[in-house]
Structures are given as structure tokens and as C-alpha cells.
Amino acid sequence: MFEVEDIREWRGHDVIDASGSKIGELEAVYVDTATDRPSFVTIKIGLPTRQRLVFAPLAGAKVGPGHIRVDQAKKQVKNAPSIDTDGELLAEDEQALFDHYDLPYGAAPSERRLARR
């Protein structure tokens, strides 16, 4: 798995899907608040005037020369919950993100599971 300090250096690099198709550029890393380990990345997608950030899990991701390869298909990532480029993931939206990728959520209603680093 990636160390937070290492993966932050990849901001602005390409994120590609499991088949090698470019999804977009890495914008930020979100860590699991229980373990402080990188858990998701946000990826900048869209036209320059209409960009948004989509989330992709880092489970199974691999670093290559100049890119990060996530273990999901481009279509699944582009259909994931998103935020504005200057927005933030709200606590009440975290469950939908985990559900989109069929990942267990497990956070108490009043707790945050993800934190941006």
C-alpha cells in the first residue's frame, strides 16, 4: 500500500483504469480515519470549464511511471459520487461512496470514515 507522504507527490499525475484507459488527474488523497492509511483518491475529470472530482478506492491500485492504476473500470469511476473541484465530501455522503464500490462502510452515524490529506 501507499504511504500518505509518497502518494501526495503524485498530485496532477494521470490516473488510469484497470485496462489502461486514462480517467483523469489525481487531485487529492483521502485516508481512512481509523487507520490513517490512504483509502481513496479524487480524480479531476471533465472539460476545463466543467470539471468535477470523482472518488476511486486505492485498494488494488499500483503506481507506474507517471501514473496510478486503480483497480476499477473507467465507467465505474466516472459514475462514482463526485464533488465540485472546490467542494468537500460531506459526512452524510460517505455511505453512498462506499456503496458505489460495494465496500463495507462500518462507521457510526456520527463518525467520519474519510479525511482529506
N, C-alpha and C. Protein backbone atom coordinates (compact mmCIF):
# COMPACT_ATOMS: atom_id res chain seq x y z
N MET A 1 0.84 -1.19 0.00
CA MET A 1 0.00 0.00 0.00
C MET A 1 0.88 1.23 0.00
N PHE A 2 0.29 2.35 -0.30
CA PHE A 2 1.00 3.61 -0.42
C PHE A 2 1.09 4.30 0.93
N GLU A 3 2.19 4.99 1.15
CA GLU A 3 2.31 5.86 2.30
C GLU A 3 1.75 7.22 1.90
N VAL A 4 1.09 7.90 2.83
CA VAL A 4 0.46 9.17 2.51
C VAL A 4 1.48 10.15 1.94
N GLU A 5 2.66 10.21 2.52
CA GLU A 5 3.67 11.15 2.06
C GLU A 5 4.07 10.87 0.62
N ASP A 6 4.15 9.62 0.24
CA ASP A 6 4.56 9.26 -1.11
C ASP A 6 3.48 9.58 -2.13
N ILE A 7 2.25 9.24 -1.83
CA ILE A 7 1.19 9.39 -2.83
C ILE A 7 0.83 10.85 -3.06
N ARG A 8 1.04 11.71 -2.07
CA ARG A 8 0.77 13.14 -2.27
C ARG A 8 1.64 13.72 -3.37
N GLU A 9 2.81 13.14 -3.57
CA GLU A 9 3.70 13.60 -4.63
C GLU A 9 3.12 13.33 -6.02
N TRP A 10 2.11 12.50 -6.12
CA TRP A 10 1.53 12.13 -7.39
C TRP A 10 0.41 13.07 -7.83
N ARG A 11 0.13 14.10 -7.04
CA ARG A 11 -0.93 15.04 -7.40
C ARG A 11 -0.65 15.61 -8.79
N GLY A 12 -1.67 15.61 -9.64
CA GLY A 12 -1.53 16.09 -11.01
C GLY A 12 -1.12 15.03 -12.02
N HIS A 13 -0.72 13.85 -11.53
CA HIS A 13 -0.36 12.76 -12.45
C HIS A 13 -1.64 12.06 -12.93
N ASP A 14 -1.49 11.33 -14.00
CA ASP A 14 -2.63 10.60 -14.56
C ASP A 14 -3.09 9.48 -13.64
N VAL A 15 -4.39 9.24 -13.66
CA VAL A 15 -4.98 8.07 -13.03
C VAL A 15 -5.59 7.28 -14.17
N ILE A 16 -5.22 6.00 -14.28
CA ILE A 16 -5.74 5.15 -15.33
C ILE A 16 -6.52 4.00 -14.70
N ASP A 17 -7.39 3.40 -15.51
CA ASP A 17 -8.20 2.29 -15.00
C ASP A 17 -7.46 0.97 -15.19
N ALA A 18 -8.13 -0.11 -14.82
CA ALA A 18 -7.52 -1.44 -14.85
C ALA A 18 -7.07 -1.84 -16.26
N SER A 19 -7.73 -1.29 -17.30
CA SER A 19 -7.35 -1.64 -18.67
C SER A 19 -6.35 -0.66 -19.29
N GLY A 20 -5.98 0.39 -18.56
CA GLY A 20 -5.01 1.35 -19.05
C GLY A 20 -5.60 2.62 -19.62
N SER A 21 -6.93 2.78 -19.60
CA SER A 21 -7.56 3.99 -20.11
C SER A 21 -7.43 5.12 -19.10
N LYS A 22 -7.08 6.31 -19.58
CA LYS A 22 -6.94 7.45 -18.69
C LYS A 22 -8.31 7.89 -18.18
N ILE A 23 -8.39 8.09 -16.85
CA ILE A 23 -9.61 8.58 -16.24
C ILE A 23 -9.51 10.09 -16.05
N GLY A 24 -8.39 10.55 -15.53
CA GLY A 24 -8.19 11.97 -15.26
C GLY A 24 -6.92 12.17 -14.47
N GLU A 25 -6.83 13.32 -13.75
CA GLU A 25 -5.64 13.64 -12.97
C GLU A 25 -5.92 13.50 -11.49
N LEU A 26 -4.95 12.96 -10.77
CA LEU A 26 -5.08 12.81 -9.32
C LEU A 26 -5.11 14.19 -8.67
N GLU A 27 -6.11 14.42 -7.84
CA GLU A 27 -6.26 15.71 -7.16
C GLU A 27 -5.89 15.62 -5.68
N ALA A 28 -6.43 14.62 -4.97
CA ALA A 28 -6.20 14.54 -3.53
C ALA A 28 -6.29 13.09 -3.06
N VAL A 29 -5.77 12.88 -1.85
CA VAL A 29 -5.79 11.57 -1.21
C VAL A 29 -6.67 11.67 0.04
N TYR A 30 -7.51 10.67 0.23
CA TYR A 30 -8.34 10.57 1.43
C TYR A 30 -7.89 9.34 2.21
N VAL A 31 -7.69 9.51 3.50
CA VAL A 31 -7.27 8.40 4.34
C VAL A 31 -8.44 7.89 5.16
N ASP A 32 -8.34 6.63 5.55
CA ASP A 32 -9.30 6.02 6.46
C ASP A 32 -8.99 6.57 7.86
N THR A 33 -9.97 7.18 8.50
CA THR A 33 -9.72 7.82 9.79
C THR A 33 -9.39 6.81 10.89
N ALA A 34 -9.77 5.56 10.72
CA ALA A 34 -9.47 4.54 11.73
C ALA A 34 -8.02 4.08 11.66
N THR A 35 -7.44 4.07 10.45
CA THR A 35 -6.09 3.53 10.28
C THR A 35 -5.06 4.57 9.82
N ASP A 36 -5.53 5.70 9.36
CA ASP A 36 -4.69 6.76 8.80
C ASP A 36 -3.94 6.27 7.56
N ARG A 37 -4.50 5.28 6.86
CA ARG A 37 -3.91 4.75 5.63
C ARG A 37 -4.67 5.31 4.43
N PRO A 38 -3.98 5.56 3.33
CA PRO A 38 -4.67 6.03 2.12
C PRO A 38 -5.77 5.06 1.72
N SER A 39 -6.95 5.59 1.43
CA SER A 39 -8.09 4.75 1.14
C SER A 39 -8.74 5.09 -0.21
N PHE A 40 -8.87 6.37 -0.52
CA PHE A 40 -9.46 6.83 -1.77
C PHE A 40 -8.62 7.97 -2.34
N VAL A 41 -8.76 8.18 -3.64
CA VAL A 41 -8.22 9.37 -4.29
C VAL A 41 -9.37 10.09 -4.97
N THR A 42 -9.21 11.40 -5.14
CA THR A 42 -10.13 12.12 -6.01
C THR A 42 -9.41 12.36 -7.32
N ILE A 43 -10.18 12.29 -8.39
CA ILE A 43 -9.65 12.41 -9.75
C ILE A 43 -10.41 13.53 -10.45
N LYS A 44 -9.66 14.47 -11.00
CA LYS A 44 -10.26 15.59 -11.72
C LYS A 44 -10.63 15.11 -13.12
N ILE A 45 -11.93 15.24 -13.45
CA ILE A 45 -12.42 14.84 -14.77
C ILE A 45 -13.27 15.96 -15.35
N GLY A 46 -13.54 15.87 -16.63
CA GLY A 46 -14.42 16.81 -17.29
C GLY A 46 -13.68 17.82 -18.14
N LEU A 47 -14.45 18.68 -18.79
CA LEU A 47 -13.89 19.75 -19.61
C LEU A 47 -13.31 20.83 -18.71
N PRO A 48 -12.35 21.60 -19.21
CA PRO A 48 -11.73 22.63 -18.37
C PRO A 48 -12.72 23.59 -17.70
N THR A 49 -13.84 23.85 -18.33
CA THR A 49 -14.82 24.78 -17.75
C THR A 49 -15.87 24.07 -16.90
N ARG A 50 -15.90 22.75 -16.90
CA ARG A 50 -16.91 22.00 -16.15
C ARG A 50 -16.29 20.78 -15.47
N GLN A 51 -15.27 21.00 -14.69
CA GLN A 51 -14.58 19.89 -14.04
C GLN A 51 -15.24 19.54 -12.71
N ARG A 52 -15.06 18.29 -12.32
CA ARG A 52 -15.52 17.81 -11.02
C ARG A 52 -14.53 16.77 -10.53
N LEU A 53 -14.65 16.40 -9.27
CA LEU A 53 -13.78 15.39 -8.68
C LEU A 53 -14.60 14.14 -8.39
N VAL A 54 -14.14 13.01 -8.89
CA VAL A 54 -14.76 11.72 -8.59
C VAL A 54 -13.82 10.94 -7.68
N PHE A 55 -14.38 10.00 -6.95
CA PHE A 55 -13.62 9.21 -5.99
C PHE A 55 -13.36 7.82 -6.54
N ALA A 56 -12.16 7.30 -6.25
CA ALA A 56 -11.82 5.92 -6.59
C ALA A 56 -11.05 5.32 -5.42
N PRO A 57 -11.37 4.07 -5.06
CA PRO A 57 -10.63 3.43 -3.96
C PRO A 57 -9.21 3.06 -4.38
N LEU A 58 -8.33 3.05 -3.40
CA LEU A 58 -6.93 2.70 -3.66
C LEU A 58 -6.65 1.21 -3.47
N ALA A 59 -7.61 0.45 -2.97
CA ALA A 59 -7.39 -1.00 -2.81
C ALA A 59 -7.06 -1.60 -4.17
N GLY A 60 -5.93 -2.25 -4.27
CA GLY A 60 -5.51 -2.88 -5.51
C GLY A 60 -4.82 -1.94 -6.49
N ALA A 61 -4.66 -0.66 -6.14
CA ALA A 61 -4.01 0.30 -7.04
C ALA A 61 -2.51 0.05 -7.11
N LYS A 62 -1.93 0.44 -8.24
CA LYS A 62 -0.49 0.28 -8.45
C LYS A 62 0.08 1.56 -9.03
N VAL A 63 1.30 1.89 -8.64
CA VAL A 63 1.99 3.05 -9.16
C VAL A 63 2.84 2.63 -10.34
N GLY A 64 2.74 3.37 -11.42
CA GLY A 64 3.57 3.13 -12.60
C GLY A 64 4.33 4.41 -12.92
N PRO A 65 5.12 4.41 -13.98
CA PRO A 65 5.86 5.62 -14.33
C PRO A 65 4.92 6.74 -14.77
N GLY A 66 4.72 7.72 -13.91
CA GLY A 66 3.88 8.87 -14.24
C GLY A 66 2.40 8.67 -14.09
N HIS A 67 1.97 7.56 -13.49
CA HIS A 67 0.54 7.33 -13.32
C HIS A 67 0.25 6.43 -12.11
N ILE A 68 -1.01 6.43 -11.74
CA ILE A 68 -1.52 5.47 -10.76
C ILE A 68 -2.62 4.68 -11.45
N ARG A 69 -2.55 3.36 -11.36
CA ARG A 69 -3.55 2.48 -11.97
C ARG A 69 -4.48 2.00 -10.87
N VAL A 70 -5.76 2.39 -10.97
CA VAL A 70 -6.74 1.92 -10.00
C VAL A 70 -7.34 0.62 -10.51
N ASP A 71 -7.96 -0.12 -9.63
CA ASP A 71 -8.45 -1.46 -9.95
C ASP A 71 -9.89 -1.46 -10.46
N GLN A 72 -10.43 -0.30 -10.80
CA GLN A 72 -11.81 -0.20 -11.26
C GLN A 72 -11.83 0.25 -12.72
N ALA A 73 -12.96 -0.02 -13.38
CA ALA A 73 -13.15 0.41 -14.76
C ALA A 73 -13.44 1.91 -14.82
N LYS A 74 -13.02 2.54 -15.90
CA LYS A 74 -13.21 3.97 -16.11
C LYS A 74 -14.67 4.36 -15.94
N LYS A 75 -15.58 3.60 -16.51
CA LYS A 75 -17.01 3.92 -16.44
C LYS A 75 -17.50 3.92 -14.99
N GLN A 76 -17.08 2.93 -14.21
CA GLN A 76 -17.50 2.87 -12.81
C GLN A 76 -16.98 4.08 -12.04
N VAL A 77 -15.74 4.48 -12.28
CA VAL A 77 -15.17 5.63 -11.58
C VAL A 77 -15.89 6.91 -12.00
N LYS A 78 -16.12 7.09 -13.29
CA LYS A 78 -16.79 8.32 -13.75
C LYS A 78 -18.23 8.41 -13.25
N ASN A 79 -18.85 7.29 -12.92
CA ASN A 79 -20.21 7.30 -12.38
C ASN A 79 -20.24 7.34 -10.85
N ALA A 80 -19.08 7.41 -10.23
CA ALA A 80 -18.99 7.44 -8.77
C ALA A 80 -19.50 8.78 -8.23
N PRO A 81 -19.85 8.83 -6.96
CA PRO A 81 -20.21 10.10 -6.34
C PRO A 81 -19.09 11.11 -6.56
N SER A 82 -19.48 12.37 -6.77
CA SER A 82 -18.49 13.40 -7.08
C SER A 82 -18.74 14.66 -6.25
N ILE A 83 -17.75 15.54 -6.28
CA ILE A 83 -17.86 16.84 -5.62
C ILE A 83 -17.32 17.88 -6.58
N ASP A 84 -17.65 19.15 -6.33
CA ASP A 84 -17.07 20.24 -7.11
C ASP A 84 -15.57 20.30 -6.84
N THR A 85 -14.82 20.92 -7.73
CA THR A 85 -13.37 21.00 -7.57
C THR A 85 -12.98 21.77 -6.31
N ASP A 86 -13.85 22.62 -5.82
CA ASP A 86 -13.58 23.34 -4.57
C ASP A 86 -14.48 22.86 -3.44
N GLY A 87 -15.13 21.71 -3.64
CA GLY A 87 -16.06 21.17 -2.65
C GLY A 87 -15.40 20.21 -1.69
N GLU A 88 -16.23 19.66 -0.81
CA GLU A 88 -15.75 18.65 0.13
C GLU A 88 -16.78 17.54 0.24
N LEU A 89 -16.31 16.36 0.58
CA LEU A 89 -17.18 15.21 0.77
C LEU A 89 -17.87 15.36 2.12
N LEU A 90 -19.18 15.44 2.10
CA LEU A 90 -19.94 15.57 3.34
C LEU A 90 -20.04 14.22 4.04
N ALA A 91 -20.12 14.25 5.36
CA ALA A 91 -20.20 13.01 6.15
C ALA A 91 -21.38 12.15 5.71
N GLU A 92 -22.51 12.80 5.41
CA GLU A 92 -23.69 12.02 5.03
C GLU A 92 -23.58 11.42 3.63
N ASP A 93 -22.57 11.81 2.85
CA ASP A 93 -22.38 11.25 1.51
C ASP A 93 -21.37 10.11 1.47
N GLU A 94 -20.67 9.88 2.57
CA GLU A 94 -19.66 8.82 2.59
C GLU A 94 -20.25 7.44 2.33
N GLN A 95 -21.38 7.14 2.93
CA GLN A 95 -22.02 5.82 2.77
C GLN A 95 -22.28 5.53 1.29
N ALA A 96 -22.79 6.51 0.54
CA ALA A 96 -23.08 6.31 -0.88
C ALA A 96 -21.80 6.00 -1.66
N LEU A 97 -20.71 6.62 -1.29
CA LEU A 97 -19.43 6.37 -1.95
C LEU A 97 -19.00 4.91 -1.75
N PHE A 98 -19.05 4.45 -0.52
CA PHE A 98 -18.69 3.06 -0.23
C PHE A 98 -19.64 2.09 -0.93
N ASP A 99 -20.93 2.42 -0.93
CA ASP A 99 -21.93 1.57 -1.59
C ASP A 99 -21.66 1.47 -3.09
N HIS A 100 -21.25 2.57 -3.71
CA HIS A 100 -20.99 2.57 -5.15
C HIS A 100 -19.93 1.53 -5.53
N TYR A 101 -18.96 1.34 -4.68
CA TYR A 101 -17.89 0.38 -4.94
C TYR A 101 -18.08 -0.94 -4.20
N ASP A 102 -19.26 -1.15 -3.62
CA ASP A 102 -19.55 -2.38 -2.87
C ASP A 102 -18.53 -2.64 -1.78
N LEU A 103 -18.15 -1.58 -1.07
CA LEU A 103 -17.20 -1.69 0.04
C LEU A 103 -17.93 -1.54 1.36
N PRO A 104 -17.50 -2.28 2.39
CA PRO A 104 -18.15 -2.13 3.70
C PRO A 104 -17.85 -0.75 4.28
N TYR A 105 -18.86 -0.13 4.85
CA TYR A 105 -18.68 1.21 5.42
C TYR A 105 -18.31 1.13 6.88
N GLY A 106 -19.22 0.69 7.72
CA GLY A 106 -18.90 0.40 9.11
C GLY A 106 -18.67 1.57 10.04
N ALA A 107 -18.90 2.80 9.64
CA ALA A 107 -18.72 3.93 10.55
C ALA A 107 -20.01 4.19 11.32
N ALA A 108 -19.87 4.63 12.55
CA ALA A 108 -21.03 5.03 13.33
C ALA A 108 -21.65 6.27 12.70
N PRO A 109 -22.95 6.48 12.88
CA PRO A 109 -23.61 7.62 12.24
C PRO A 109 -22.95 8.97 12.49
N SER A 110 -22.35 9.16 13.64
CA SER A 110 -21.77 10.47 13.96
C SER A 110 -20.28 10.56 13.63
N GLU A 111 -19.69 9.50 13.06
CA GLU A 111 -18.26 9.49 12.78
C GLU A 111 -17.97 9.66 11.30
N ARG A 112 -16.82 10.25 11.01
CA ARG A 112 -16.33 10.34 9.64
C ARG A 112 -15.45 9.14 9.38
N ARG A 113 -15.52 8.60 8.19
CA ARG A 113 -14.67 7.47 7.81
C ARG A 113 -13.50 7.93 6.96
N LEU A 114 -13.66 9.06 6.24
CA LEU A 114 -12.61 9.53 5.35
C LEU A 114 -12.19 10.95 5.70
N ALA A 115 -10.89 11.22 5.55
CA ALA A 115 -10.35 12.56 5.77
C ALA A 115 -9.36 12.89 4.66
N ARG A 116 -9.45 14.09 4.14
CA ARG A 116 -8.54 14.52 3.07
C ARG A 116 -7.17 14.84 3.66
N ARG A 117 -6.12 14.42 2.98
CA ARG A 117 -4.75 14.73 3.42
C ARG A 117 -4.02 15.49 2.35
